[in-house]
Protein backbone atom coordinates (compact mmCIF):
# COMPACT_ATOMS: atom_id res chain seq x y z
CA MET A 1 -111.20 12.24 28.83
CA ASN A 2 -108.91 10.60 26.27
CA VAL A 3 -106.99 14.02 26.13
CA TRP A 4 -106.80 14.22 29.63
CA LYS A 5 -105.62 10.52 29.99
CA LYS A 6 -103.02 11.57 27.12
CA GLY A 7 -101.93 14.19 29.29
CA ILE A 8 -101.48 12.48 32.34
CA PHE A 9 -99.73 9.63 30.21
CA GLY A 10 -97.43 12.49 28.68
CA LEU A 11 -96.43 13.89 32.25
CA LEU A 12 -95.74 10.49 33.73
CA LEU A 13 -93.50 9.64 30.73
CA MET A 14 -91.39 13.17 30.93
CA LEU A 15 -91.27 12.35 34.94
CA MET A 16 -89.69 9.10 34.87
CA SER A 17 -87.46 10.41 32.35
CA VAL A 18 -86.17 13.16 34.62
CA SER A 19 -85.79 10.21 37.38
CA LEU A 20 -83.57 7.69 34.86
CA VAL A 21 -81.32 11.05 34.35
CA CYS A 22 -80.84 11.72 37.82
CA ALA A 23 -80.60 8.28 38.89
CA GLY A 24 -78.10 8.08 36.05
CA GLY A 25 -76.07 11.10 37.02
CA GLN A 26 -76.13 10.05 40.68
CA GLN A 27 -74.67 6.58 39.90
CA GLU A 28 -71.84 7.89 37.64
CA THR A 29 -70.88 10.45 40.32
CA GLY A 30 -71.35 8.28 43.61
CA ALA A 31 -73.89 8.69 46.32
CA SER A 32 -73.08 11.94 47.07
CA GLY A 33 -73.90 13.54 43.74
CA SER A 34 -70.74 15.24 43.61
CA SER A 35 -68.13 14.56 40.97
CA ALA A 36 -64.08 14.17 41.52
CA PRO A 37 -62.55 17.53 41.97
CA ASP A 38 -60.02 18.60 39.14
CA GLU A 39 -57.50 19.26 42.20
CA VAL A 40 -57.00 18.45 45.51
CA THR A 41 -55.09 20.16 48.15
CA ILE A 42 -52.76 18.06 50.30
CA SER A 43 -51.78 19.68 53.61
CA PHE A 44 -48.68 18.21 55.17
CA TRP A 45 -46.48 18.42 58.21
CA THR A 46 -42.81 17.37 58.44
CA PHE A 47 -39.66 18.52 61.13
CA GLN A 48 -37.32 17.93 58.08
CA ASP A 49 -36.91 21.06 55.60
CA ILE A 50 -35.43 18.68 52.88
CA HIS A 51 -38.23 15.83 53.28
CA ASN A 52 -41.06 19.12 52.34
CA GLN A 53 -38.47 20.16 49.90
CA TYR A 54 -38.87 16.82 48.55
CA PHE A 55 -42.28 16.32 48.29
CA THR A 56 -43.00 19.90 47.00
CA LYS A 57 -41.12 18.72 43.77
CA LYS A 58 -42.60 15.09 43.65
CA ALA A 59 -46.11 17.25 43.32
CA GLU A 60 -44.58 19.67 40.66
CA GLU A 61 -43.94 15.99 39.15
CA TRP A 62 -47.59 14.75 39.43
CA ASN A 63 -48.73 17.41 38.06
CA ALA A 64 -46.35 17.64 35.00
CA ALA A 65 -47.16 14.05 34.16
CA GLY A 66 -50.97 14.48 34.03
CA LYS A 67 -52.02 12.48 36.79
CA THR A 68 -55.51 13.00 37.77
CA PRO A 69 -56.47 15.10 40.46
CA LYS A 70 -53.88 17.54 40.11
CA ILE A 71 -52.14 18.39 43.40
CA LYS A 72 -52.01 21.44 45.30
CA PHE A 73 -49.36 20.68 47.75
CA GLU A 74 -49.33 22.72 51.09
CA GLY A 75 -46.31 21.85 53.29
CA GLN A 76 -45.31 22.96 56.79
CA VAL A 77 -42.04 22.70 58.58
CA LEU A 78 -42.27 22.53 62.64
CA PRO A 79 -40.07 21.93 65.27
CA TYR A 80 -39.76 17.98 65.85
CA GLY A 81 -41.27 17.73 69.46
CA GLU A 82 -43.96 20.51 69.11
CA MET A 83 -45.16 18.64 65.63
CA HIS A 84 -45.19 15.44 66.89
CA ASP A 85 -46.94 16.57 70.13
CA LYS A 86 -49.46 18.82 67.92
CA LEU A 87 -50.17 15.87 65.70
CA LEU A 88 -51.03 13.47 68.78
CA VAL A 89 -53.73 16.02 70.20
CA ALA A 90 -55.12 16.51 66.69
CA LEU A 91 -55.50 12.88 66.41
CA GLN A 92 -56.97 12.11 69.65
CA SER A 93 -59.70 15.10 69.65
CA GLY A 94 -60.16 14.27 66.18
CA VAL A 95 -59.78 17.56 64.51
CA GLY A 96 -56.93 19.73 63.13
CA ALA A 97 -54.63 17.15 61.88
CA PRO A 98 -52.70 17.35 58.38
CA ASP A 99 -53.58 14.83 55.62
CA MET A 100 -50.19 13.61 55.34
CA VAL A 101 -47.24 13.57 57.95
CA ASP A 102 -44.08 12.40 59.05
CA ILE A 103 -43.74 10.42 62.33
CA GLU A 104 -40.35 9.80 63.50
CA ILE A 105 -39.16 6.05 64.37
CA SER A 106 -38.71 6.89 68.27
CA ARG A 107 -42.56 8.95 68.31
CA PHE A 108 -44.13 6.40 66.26
CA PRO A 109 -45.49 3.89 69.05
CA ASN A 110 -47.11 6.56 70.81
CA TYR A 111 -49.65 6.55 67.36
CA MET A 112 -50.18 2.85 67.47
CA LYS A 113 -51.80 3.02 70.85
CA GLY A 114 -55.84 2.43 70.93
CA LYS A 115 -57.88 3.08 67.47
CA VAL A 116 -54.86 4.01 65.08
CA GLN A 117 -56.02 7.01 63.68
CA LEU A 118 -53.77 6.57 60.35
CA GLU A 119 -54.84 5.04 57.27
CA SER A 120 -53.57 1.64 56.13
CA PHE A 121 -51.33 1.28 53.12
CA ASN A 122 -51.78 -2.23 52.40
CA ASP A 123 -53.99 -1.90 49.24
CA LEU A 124 -50.59 -0.03 47.60
CA ILE A 125 -48.08 -2.07 49.41
CA GLY A 126 -49.76 -5.70 48.83
CA PRO A 127 -48.64 -5.64 44.97
CA VAL A 128 -44.58 -4.88 45.34
CA LYS A 129 -44.31 -6.23 49.03
CA ASP A 130 -41.75 -8.80 47.55
CA LYS A 131 -39.47 -6.03 46.41
CA LEU A 132 -39.18 -4.14 49.64
CA VAL A 133 -37.06 -4.20 52.48
CA THR A 134 -39.51 -5.41 54.63
CA ALA A 135 -38.13 -5.05 58.03
CA ARG A 136 -38.42 -1.35 57.52
CA TYR A 137 -42.07 -0.94 56.58
CA ASP A 138 -42.78 -3.63 59.86
CA ILE A 139 -41.45 -0.78 62.12
CA TYR A 140 -44.52 1.14 60.65
CA SER A 141 -47.36 -1.47 61.05
CA LYS A 142 -49.73 -2.97 63.50
CA ASP A 143 -52.15 -6.35 63.64
CA GLY A 144 -50.50 -6.72 59.77
CA GLN A 145 -51.65 -3.09 58.70
CA TYR A 146 -48.93 -0.66 57.30
CA TYR A 147 -49.35 2.72 58.59
CA GLY A 148 -46.56 4.48 57.12
CA LEU A 149 -43.95 4.21 54.31
CA PRO A 150 -40.20 4.53 55.08
CA PHE A 151 -37.50 7.12 53.66
CA HIS A 152 -34.66 4.71 53.75
CA VAL A 153 -32.87 1.62 54.92
CA GLY A 154 -30.95 3.95 57.25
CA ALA A 155 -27.60 2.13 57.07
CA SER A 156 -24.93 3.63 59.32
CA VAL A 157 -21.36 4.77 57.80
CA MET A 158 -18.68 6.55 59.27
CA TYR A 159 -17.88 10.10 57.56
CA TYR A 160 -14.21 10.50 57.92
CA ASN A 161 -12.40 14.16 57.15
CA LYS A 162 -9.68 12.84 54.78
CA GLU A 163 -7.69 16.11 55.25
CA LEU A 164 -7.58 15.80 59.05
CA LEU A 165 -6.17 11.89 58.49
CA ASP A 166 -3.80 12.84 55.92
CA ALA A 167 -2.16 15.26 58.60
CA ALA A 168 -1.61 12.51 61.36
CA GLY A 169 -0.70 9.52 58.62
CA VAL A 170 -3.74 7.72 59.08
CA SER A 171 -5.31 5.79 56.23
CA VAL A 172 -9.08 4.71 56.34
CA SER A 173 -8.52 1.13 55.19
CA ASP A 174 -6.11 0.52 57.98
CA ILE A 175 -9.04 1.16 60.12
CA GLU A 176 -10.78 -2.22 60.88
CA THR A 177 -12.13 -2.52 64.24
CA TRP A 178 -12.99 0.02 67.05
CA ASP A 179 -9.43 -0.78 68.74
CA ASP A 180 -8.22 0.44 65.21
CA TYR A 181 -10.17 3.49 65.43
CA PHE A 182 -9.21 4.71 68.87
CA GLU A 183 -5.59 4.22 68.04
CA ALA A 184 -5.78 6.29 65.02
CA GLY A 185 -7.86 9.01 67.34
CA LYS A 186 -5.16 9.06 69.02
CA LYS A 187 -2.64 10.26 66.25
CA VAL A 188 -5.03 12.79 64.83
CA LEU A 189 -5.50 14.50 68.23
CA ALA A 190 -1.46 14.67 68.48
CA ALA A 191 -1.08 15.76 64.64
CA THR A 192 -4.21 18.42 64.91
CA GLY A 193 -5.23 19.10 68.24
CA LYS A 194 -8.70 18.05 66.85
CA PRO A 195 -10.30 14.87 68.15
CA MET A 196 -11.47 11.70 66.24
CA THR A 197 -15.30 12.13 66.66
CA THR A 198 -18.46 13.57 68.50
CA PHE A 199 -20.69 12.12 70.74
CA GLU A 200 -24.28 13.13 70.76
CA VAL A 201 -25.01 13.64 74.70
CA THR A 202 -28.38 14.48 74.11
CA GLU A 203 -29.40 12.14 71.66
CA GLN A 204 -29.53 8.39 71.36
CA TRP A 205 -28.10 7.93 68.11
CA THR A 206 -24.17 7.59 68.78
CA PHE A 207 -24.89 4.96 71.38
CA TRP A 208 -27.46 3.25 69.82
CA GLN A 209 -25.74 2.61 66.34
CA MET A 210 -22.86 0.99 68.54
CA ILE A 211 -24.83 -1.22 70.32
CA SER A 212 -27.21 -2.20 67.50
CA GLN A 213 -23.54 -3.16 65.61
CA GLN A 214 -22.94 -5.86 68.44
CA GLY A 215 -26.72 -7.13 68.01
CA SER A 216 -27.72 -5.59 71.27
CA ASP A 217 -30.66 -3.26 71.82
CA LEU A 218 -32.38 -0.41 73.93
CA PHE A 219 -35.33 -3.19 74.21
CA ASN A 220 -35.88 -6.65 73.91
CA ALA A 221 -38.38 -8.19 71.42
CA ASP A 222 -40.97 -8.70 74.16
CA GLY A 223 -40.69 -5.21 75.22
CA SER A 224 -38.79 -5.48 78.31
CA PRO A 225 -35.83 -3.03 79.01
CA ALA A 226 -32.24 -4.17 77.79
CA ILE A 227 -30.87 -0.82 78.14
CA ASP A 228 -28.28 -2.06 81.21
CA ASN A 229 -26.93 -5.38 79.69
CA THR A 230 -23.84 -6.20 79.45
CA THR A 231 -22.91 -5.06 75.71
CA ASN A 232 -24.42 -1.86 76.39
CA ILE A 233 -22.65 -1.18 79.54
CA LYS A 234 -19.39 -2.17 78.19
CA THR A 235 -20.00 -0.05 75.24
CA LEU A 236 -20.98 3.10 77.47
CA GLU A 237 -17.29 2.50 79.20
CA PHE A 238 -15.84 2.41 76.09
CA MET A 239 -17.25 5.80 74.72
CA LEU A 240 -16.18 7.38 77.95
CA GLU A 241 -12.62 6.30 77.69
CA MET A 242 -12.23 7.93 74.47
CA VAL A 243 -13.94 10.80 76.12
CA ASN A 244 -11.21 10.94 78.99
CA ALA A 245 -8.69 10.53 76.33
CA GLY A 246 -9.61 13.14 74.38
CA VAL A 247 -10.11 11.12 70.95
CA ALA A 248 -14.07 12.15 71.24
CA VAL A 249 -15.37 15.36 72.51
CA ALA A 250 -19.58 15.91 72.98
CA ALA A 251 -21.22 16.88 70.11
CA PRO A 252 -21.75 21.17 69.83
CA GLY A 253 -24.99 21.67 71.00
CA GLY A 254 -25.30 18.17 72.15
CA PHE A 255 -26.40 16.59 68.95
CA HIS A 256 -25.54 16.06 65.38
CA HIS A 257 -28.55 18.21 64.02
CA ALA A 258 -27.77 20.98 66.27
CA GLU A 259 -26.72 24.59 64.26
CA GLU A 260 -23.59 24.81 66.59
CA TYR A 261 -22.76 21.29 65.72
CA TYR A 262 -22.62 21.97 61.87
CA GLY A 263 -20.83 25.09 62.38
CA PHE A 264 -18.24 23.07 64.11
CA MET A 265 -17.62 20.24 61.69
CA ASN A 266 -18.15 22.77 58.72
CA ASN A 267 -15.00 24.03 60.04
CA ALA A 268 -13.11 20.70 60.13
CA GLY A 269 -14.02 20.37 64.30
CA ALA A 270 -13.67 16.50 64.18
CA ALA A 271 -12.16 13.78 61.96
CA SER A 272 -14.97 11.74 62.07
CA ILE A 273 -18.77 11.37 62.43
CA MET A 274 -20.84 8.38 62.61
CA MET A 275 -24.46 8.40 61.35
CA PRO A 276 -26.63 6.58 58.66
CA MET A 277 -26.67 7.32 55.45
CA TRP A 278 -29.16 9.41 55.31
CA TYR A 279 -26.95 11.92 56.83
CA MET A 280 -25.19 13.04 53.80
CA GLY A 281 -27.70 15.58 53.11
CA ARG A 282 -27.10 17.20 56.06
CA PHE A 283 -23.23 17.58 54.66
CA THR A 284 -24.29 19.05 51.47
CA ASP A 285 -26.64 21.55 52.79
CA TYR A 286 -25.62 22.49 56.13
CA MET A 287 -21.43 21.92 55.69
CA PRO A 288 -20.41 23.23 52.21
CA ASP A 289 -16.68 23.86 52.71
CA LEU A 290 -16.25 20.10 53.48
CA GLU A 291 -17.09 19.20 50.10
CA GLY A 292 -14.61 17.11 48.10
CA LYS A 293 -12.89 16.39 51.89
CA ILE A 294 -15.05 13.87 53.25
CA VAL A 295 -14.74 9.96 52.59
CA ILE A 296 -17.87 7.25 53.80
CA ALA A 297 -16.77 3.88 55.01
CA PRO A 298 -18.11 1.08 56.82
CA LEU A 299 -18.27 1.60 60.54
CA PRO A 300 -15.12 -0.31 62.32
CA ARG A 301 -16.22 -3.79 63.60
CA TRP A 302 -16.26 -4.75 67.31
CA THR A 303 -14.98 -8.08 66.64
CA LYS A 304 -13.07 -9.96 63.67
CA ASP A 305 -16.15 -10.99 62.11
CA GLY A 306 -18.41 -8.50 63.55
CA ASN A 307 -21.30 -6.29 61.82
CA ARG A 308 -19.76 -3.16 60.10
CA SER A 309 -23.24 -1.34 59.90
CA ALA A 310 -26.52 -0.71 61.94
CA GLY A 311 -30.03 -0.18 60.55
CA MET A 312 -30.76 3.59 62.34
CA GLY A 313 -33.51 5.92 62.35
CA GLY A 314 -36.54 6.18 60.30
CA THR A 315 -39.61 8.53 59.49
CA SER A 316 -42.76 7.17 58.04
CA THR A 317 -44.96 9.52 55.74
CA SER A 318 -48.30 8.34 56.91
CA VAL A 319 -52.05 9.57 55.97
CA THR A 320 -54.55 10.73 58.86
CA VAL A 321 -57.87 9.59 58.85
CA GLN A 322 -58.89 13.42 58.78
CA ALA A 323 -57.88 13.30 55.21
CA LYS A 324 -60.32 14.84 53.02
CA ASN A 325 -59.20 12.61 49.95
CA PRO A 326 -57.03 9.55 51.66
CA GLN A 327 -56.96 7.76 48.58
CA VAL A 328 -55.60 10.31 46.66
CA VAL A 329 -53.09 11.47 49.77
CA LYS A 330 -51.94 7.42 49.72
CA GLU A 331 -51.35 7.25 46.15
CA PHE A 332 -49.53 10.48 45.96
CA ALA A 333 -47.11 9.42 48.61
CA ALA A 334 -46.68 6.27 46.94
CA PHE A 335 -46.03 7.87 44.21
CA ALA A 336 -43.10 9.28 45.66
CA LYS A 337 -41.73 6.61 48.15
CA LEU A 338 -43.30 3.36 47.11
CA SER A 339 -42.66 3.29 43.02
CA VAL A 340 -39.29 2.88 41.36
CA GLU A 341 -38.97 5.97 40.32
CA GLY A 342 -39.87 7.39 43.74
CA ASN A 343 -36.93 5.02 45.34
CA VAL A 344 -34.58 5.99 42.90
CA ALA A 345 -35.30 9.60 43.58
CA LEU A 346 -34.85 9.14 47.31
CA TRP A 347 -30.89 8.33 46.54
CA GLN A 348 -30.43 10.97 43.86
CA GLU A 349 -32.26 13.82 45.20
CA LEU A 350 -31.91 12.95 49.63
CA GLY A 351 -28.93 10.62 49.58
CA PHE A 352 -31.05 7.85 51.28
CA ASP A 353 -30.48 4.34 50.79
CA PRO A 354 -34.06 3.40 49.35
CA PRO A 355 -36.30 0.47 50.97
CA ARG A 356 -36.94 -1.20 47.55
CA TRP A 357 -34.44 -3.59 46.90
CA ASP A 358 -34.95 -3.91 43.37
CA VAL A 359 -33.51 -0.56 42.52
CA TRP A 360 -30.43 -0.81 44.15
CA GLU A 361 -28.64 -2.59 40.91
CA ARG A 362 -30.10 -0.23 38.95
CA PRO A 363 -28.04 2.00 36.20
CA GLU A 364 -29.29 5.17 37.99
CA MET A 365 -27.76 4.58 41.08
CA ASN A 366 -24.50 4.98 39.68
CA GLU A 367 -25.20 8.26 38.01
CA ALA A 368 -23.66 11.31 38.99
CA ASN A 369 -25.35 13.53 41.30
CA LYS A 370 -24.67 16.25 44.10
CA PHE A 371 -23.90 13.18 46.65
CA THR A 372 -21.39 11.51 44.06
CA GLU A 373 -19.67 15.24 43.49
CA TYR A 374 -19.86 16.41 47.09
CA PHE A 375 -18.19 12.90 48.80
CA GLN A 376 -14.70 11.41 47.42
CA ASN A 377 -16.12 7.82 47.29
CA ASP A 378 -16.40 6.33 43.73
CA ASN A 379 -19.46 4.14 44.13
CA ILE A 380 -21.19 5.33 47.38
CA PHE A 381 -23.89 2.97 46.65
CA GLY A 382 -21.85 0.23 45.93
CA MET A 383 -20.43 0.33 49.46
CA LEU A 384 -23.83 0.09 50.89
CA VAL A 385 -24.50 -3.00 48.93
CA ASP A 386 -21.55 -4.40 50.34
CA ILE A 387 -22.70 -3.98 54.09
CA LYS A 388 -26.45 -4.32 53.10
CA ASP A 389 -26.60 -7.67 55.28
CA GLU A 390 -24.39 -6.54 58.36
CA ILE A 391 -27.59 -4.79 59.92
CA TYR A 392 -29.20 -5.71 62.95
CA PRO A 393 -33.15 -5.16 63.24
CA VAL A 394 -34.28 -2.65 66.17
CA ASN A 395 -36.93 -3.65 68.70
CA VAL A 396 -39.74 -0.91 68.09
CA VAL A 397 -41.82 -1.54 71.11
CA GLU A 398 -44.67 0.69 72.84
CA LYS A 399 -42.35 1.83 75.68
CA LEU A 400 -39.76 3.10 73.37
CA PRO A 401 -40.67 6.73 72.89
CA GLU A 402 -40.09 6.76 77.10
CA GLY A 403 -37.19 4.46 76.86
CA ILE A 404 -35.10 6.59 74.35
CA THR A 405 -36.10 9.76 76.73
CA GLU A 406 -34.24 7.86 79.56
CA VAL A 407 -31.35 6.23 77.72
CA ARG A 408 -30.67 10.13 77.05
CA THR A 409 -30.40 11.02 80.40
CA ALA A 410 -27.82 8.02 81.03
CA ILE A 411 -25.72 9.07 78.41
CA PHE A 412 -25.50 12.54 79.49
CA GLN A 413 -24.61 11.43 83.21
CA ALA A 414 -22.15 9.22 81.76
CA LEU A 415 -20.42 11.31 79.18
CA GLU A 416 -21.14 14.53 79.97
CA ASP A 417 -21.22 15.78 83.59
CA LYS A 418 -20.17 12.27 84.57
CA SER A 419 -22.07 12.42 87.35
CA LYS A 420 -22.53 8.52 87.27
CA THR A 421 -20.84 5.58 86.15
CA PRO A 422 -21.50 4.16 82.95
CA ALA A 423 -22.69 1.07 84.51
CA GLN A 424 -24.80 2.97 87.25
CA ALA A 425 -26.34 5.50 84.93
CA LEU A 426 -27.93 2.72 82.82
CA LYS A 427 -28.87 0.37 85.65
CA ASP A 428 -30.73 3.69 86.97
CA VAL A 429 -33.04 4.33 83.89
CA ALA A 430 -33.71 0.36 83.15
CA ASP A 431 -35.18 0.47 86.66
CA GLU A 432 -37.14 3.48 86.29
CA LEU A 433 -38.59 1.76 83.10
CA ARG A 434 -39.18 -1.72 84.82
């Protein structure tokens, strides 16, 4: 009997020991009982190849730095419209979305409707929020939650082909106002036969920059259409006047990212183009023959003390709720775009004006890179610091995607097929939105 009792007691001790070991193991590895992975695959969608190249390099740097877990980065570049539509379907259906994705500003409101299917970055933004240009982050937020990390501030500038200006006896320093710019364009046209600039007629960027400079927008802050206000009508009329004078032409291909346009400008097709700072990478990547010929300058003013820039464009990098390892993906995105080193890299590698202001005065921002070698400017980033307070915020409202589609129609009707006057074209689309 005693032997039997001892056997039972020993068996109970053994079972208790096994139970404690199992419990301890489960406590260490989590409720699932599975250990943290040594490597995480991050799938990524974007519509810009340079963004894919950037994150691919950052994944290599993450791994080289010994960060854990290791990252296997799988990026995919899709056409702009196809990518955004595919993403919307995937998020609405709950299947098929990537771990991480780029979402362009004009499409972002589509993903804020109803229950947001993106992860919040508040835990990572919070500790450094006082060092950020928060207006750019606010664009990608809802109800106090930040759902994306921006690439840049998006300050608009003018890119001048100095060879063409010199041939016409025009100096960049003499162009202070838009009236000066128009007159300079007449000289360039007469001397070279080339237009001063190109306007997008199937995209909104040219028009949007020019009205934003004046404190106007496509929508008011309350979401009501502002497309047909007096400032916007006068601006489109001014653009039409430039087109009729031959000083401006419609961008080949309709917009400034068309293959036809890159070829046109690479062949010195026009003397200047107005686009945000982030367009610098388009010059270096797609217009190699212009290296050493382009000077970047602030935009002409509309009035004597008017703004010389506008905050345009924007793409957030977001993490979807379908990500298998959301925290790892968020931390990788922050490593690439929220950290000090990431913001310096946004300038050095992409030519973007970083949205973390505390890096603007760092010595790295004045070091030589492919952009300082390509453009004639001695201090590109110093010029940006000079105009940073002349950027008017844009209103990103729920109807913005629809409004942009409509305003593109108005621009095309007024400048390209000239089927309507600027006032009528803008009024018609505004009434449609109302």
